[in-house]
Protein backbone atom coordinates (compact mmCIF):
# COMPACT_ATOMS: atom_id res chain seq x y z
CA VAL A 1 4.64 -13.48 -8.30
CA GLN A 2 1.57 -11.65 -7.03
CA LEU A 3 2.09 -9.19 -4.19
CA GLN A 4 -0.35 -7.63 -1.73
CA ALA A 5 0.89 -4.81 0.48
CA SER A 6 -0.85 -3.55 3.59
CA GLY A 7 -0.23 -1.75 6.87
CA GLY A 8 0.05 1.90 5.92
CA GLY A 9 -1.60 4.64 7.89
CA LEU A 10 -1.22 7.93 9.70
CA VAL A 11 1.31 8.24 12.50
CA GLN A 12 3.00 11.05 14.37
CA ALA A 13 6.67 11.78 13.93
CA GLY A 14 8.73 9.44 16.08
CA GLY A 15 6.13 6.73 15.86
CA SER A 16 6.21 3.31 14.22
CA LEU A 17 4.37 1.35 11.56
CA ARG A 18 4.78 -2.13 10.16
CA LEU A 19 4.06 -2.83 6.51
CA SER A 20 3.34 -6.30 5.22
CA CYS A 21 3.65 -7.76 1.75
CA ALA A 22 2.10 -11.14 1.10
CA ALA A 23 3.37 -13.04 -1.93
CA SER A 24 1.59 -15.75 -3.87
CA GLY A 25 1.79 -17.58 -7.15
CA ARG A 26 5.15 -19.30 -7.01
CA THR A 27 8.07 -20.19 -4.82
CA LEU A 28 10.15 -17.27 -3.63
CA VAL A 29 13.41 -19.22 -3.53
CA GLY A 30 15.94 -17.26 -5.53
CA TYR A 31 13.99 -14.02 -5.30
CA ALA A 32 14.45 -10.73 -3.54
CA LEU A 33 11.48 -8.80 -2.21
CA GLY A 34 11.90 -5.08 -1.98
CA TRP A 35 10.20 -1.98 -0.67
CA PHE A 36 10.06 1.25 -2.62
CA ARG A 37 8.33 4.54 -1.95
CA GLN A 38 7.10 7.38 -4.08
CA ILE A 39 6.04 10.95 -3.44
CA PRO A 40 3.82 12.65 -6.06
CA GLY A 41 5.99 14.29 -8.68
CA LYS A 42 9.10 12.36 -7.72
CA GLU A 43 10.64 9.12 -8.89
CA ARG A 44 10.07 5.94 -7.01
CA GLU A 45 12.99 5.26 -4.68
CA PHE A 46 14.41 2.11 -3.19
CA VAL A 47 13.90 1.66 0.54
CA ALA A 48 14.88 -1.88 1.50
CA SER A 49 15.04 -5.45 0.27
CA ILE A 50 15.47 -8.96 1.57
CA THR A 51 16.50 -12.11 -0.26
CA TRP A 52 14.74 -15.44 -0.12
CA PRO A 53 15.66 -17.78 1.54
CA GLY A 54 18.98 -16.32 2.70
CA GLY A 55 17.52 -13.25 4.31
CA THR A 56 20.23 -10.83 3.21
CA THR A 57 18.97 -7.29 3.67
CA TYR A 58 19.80 -4.00 2.01
CA TYR A 59 18.68 -0.53 3.02
CA ALA A 60 18.72 2.95 1.61
CA ASP A 61 20.97 5.25 3.63
CA SER A 62 17.99 7.39 4.54
CA VAL A 63 16.35 4.56 6.50
CA LYS A 64 19.31 2.64 7.91
CA GLY A 65 18.99 2.17 11.63
CA ARG A 66 15.28 3.02 11.58
CA PHE A 67 13.69 0.48 9.22
CA THR A 68 14.05 -3.28 9.37
CA SER A 69 13.00 -5.79 6.74
CA SER A 70 12.12 -9.32 7.79
CA ARG A 71 10.25 -12.29 6.38
CA ASP A 72 8.03 -15.18 7.40
CA ASN A 73 8.86 -18.12 5.17
CA ALA A 74 5.75 -20.09 6.05
CA LYS A 75 3.45 -17.18 5.27
CA LYS A 76 5.47 -16.01 2.24
CA THR A 77 5.26 -12.55 3.70
CA VAL A 78 7.83 -9.83 4.12
CA TYR A 79 7.59 -7.02 6.61
CA LEU A 80 9.00 -3.55 6.86
CA GLN A 81 9.19 -2.36 10.44
CA MET A 82 9.48 1.41 10.40
CA ASN A 83 10.56 3.13 13.60
CA SER A 84 11.43 6.72 14.43
CA LEU A 85 9.35 7.86 11.51
CA LYS A 86 9.91 11.32 10.09
CA PRO A 87 7.61 13.54 8.03
CA GLU A 88 9.92 12.98 5.07
CA ASP A 89 9.04 9.28 5.20
CA THR A 90 5.55 10.21 3.99
CA ALA A 91 4.95 8.43 0.69
CA VAL A 92 3.13 5.62 -1.02
CA TYR A 93 5.04 2.44 -0.26
CA TYR A 94 5.19 -0.43 -2.74
CA CYS A 95 6.56 -3.93 -2.49
CA ALA A 96 8.19 -5.58 -5.47
CA ALA A 97 9.93 -8.81 -6.43
CA ARG A 98 12.79 -9.76 -8.70
CA HIS A 99 14.96 -12.77 -9.26
CA THR A 100 18.36 -12.48 -7.61
CA ARG A 101 20.31 -13.45 -10.76
CA SER A 102 22.39 -10.66 -12.20
CA GLY A 103 20.51 -8.30 -14.49
CA SER A 104 17.04 -9.10 -13.22
CA THR A 105 14.65 -6.21 -12.79
CA TRP A 106 11.87 -5.52 -10.32
CA GLY A 107 9.16 -7.03 -12.51
CA SER A 108 6.37 -7.77 -10.04
CA TRP A 109 4.73 -5.00 -8.07
CA GLY A 110 2.04 -4.84 -5.46
CA GLN A 111 -0.42 -2.02 -5.03
CA GLY A 112 0.82 0.84 -2.91
CA THR A 113 -0.02 1.59 0.68
CA GLN A 114 -0.03 5.16 1.96
CA VAL A 115 2.18 6.12 4.88
CA THR A 116 1.66 9.59 6.31
CA VAL A 117 3.84 10.94 9.10
CA SER A 118 2.61 14.11 10.75
CA SER A 119 4.96 16.57 12.44
């Protein structure tokens, strides 16, 4: 699976951004697409994921109630709607894909997109 992330930018605290991740190369049935973020010097952390085609979502506690993951089946694109952004949400955001079978790892990664939240 090839992934292309976009939509990052600079926003003030309390604002919103929507990230997109377009997938290509194969069917996404049986896959989960996830969002991760990384700050320089820190490990990459899980943010959210959504399964295909069921649409089951998972969120990190730090973003629950503020971020929403959704998908467009026809466009093979997942979105991360980020509301009520905080300065601590500043990071490079990556999308990734893995099969949903037990033991699968996040093996496909897109390039990152920078999100900067100013206070």
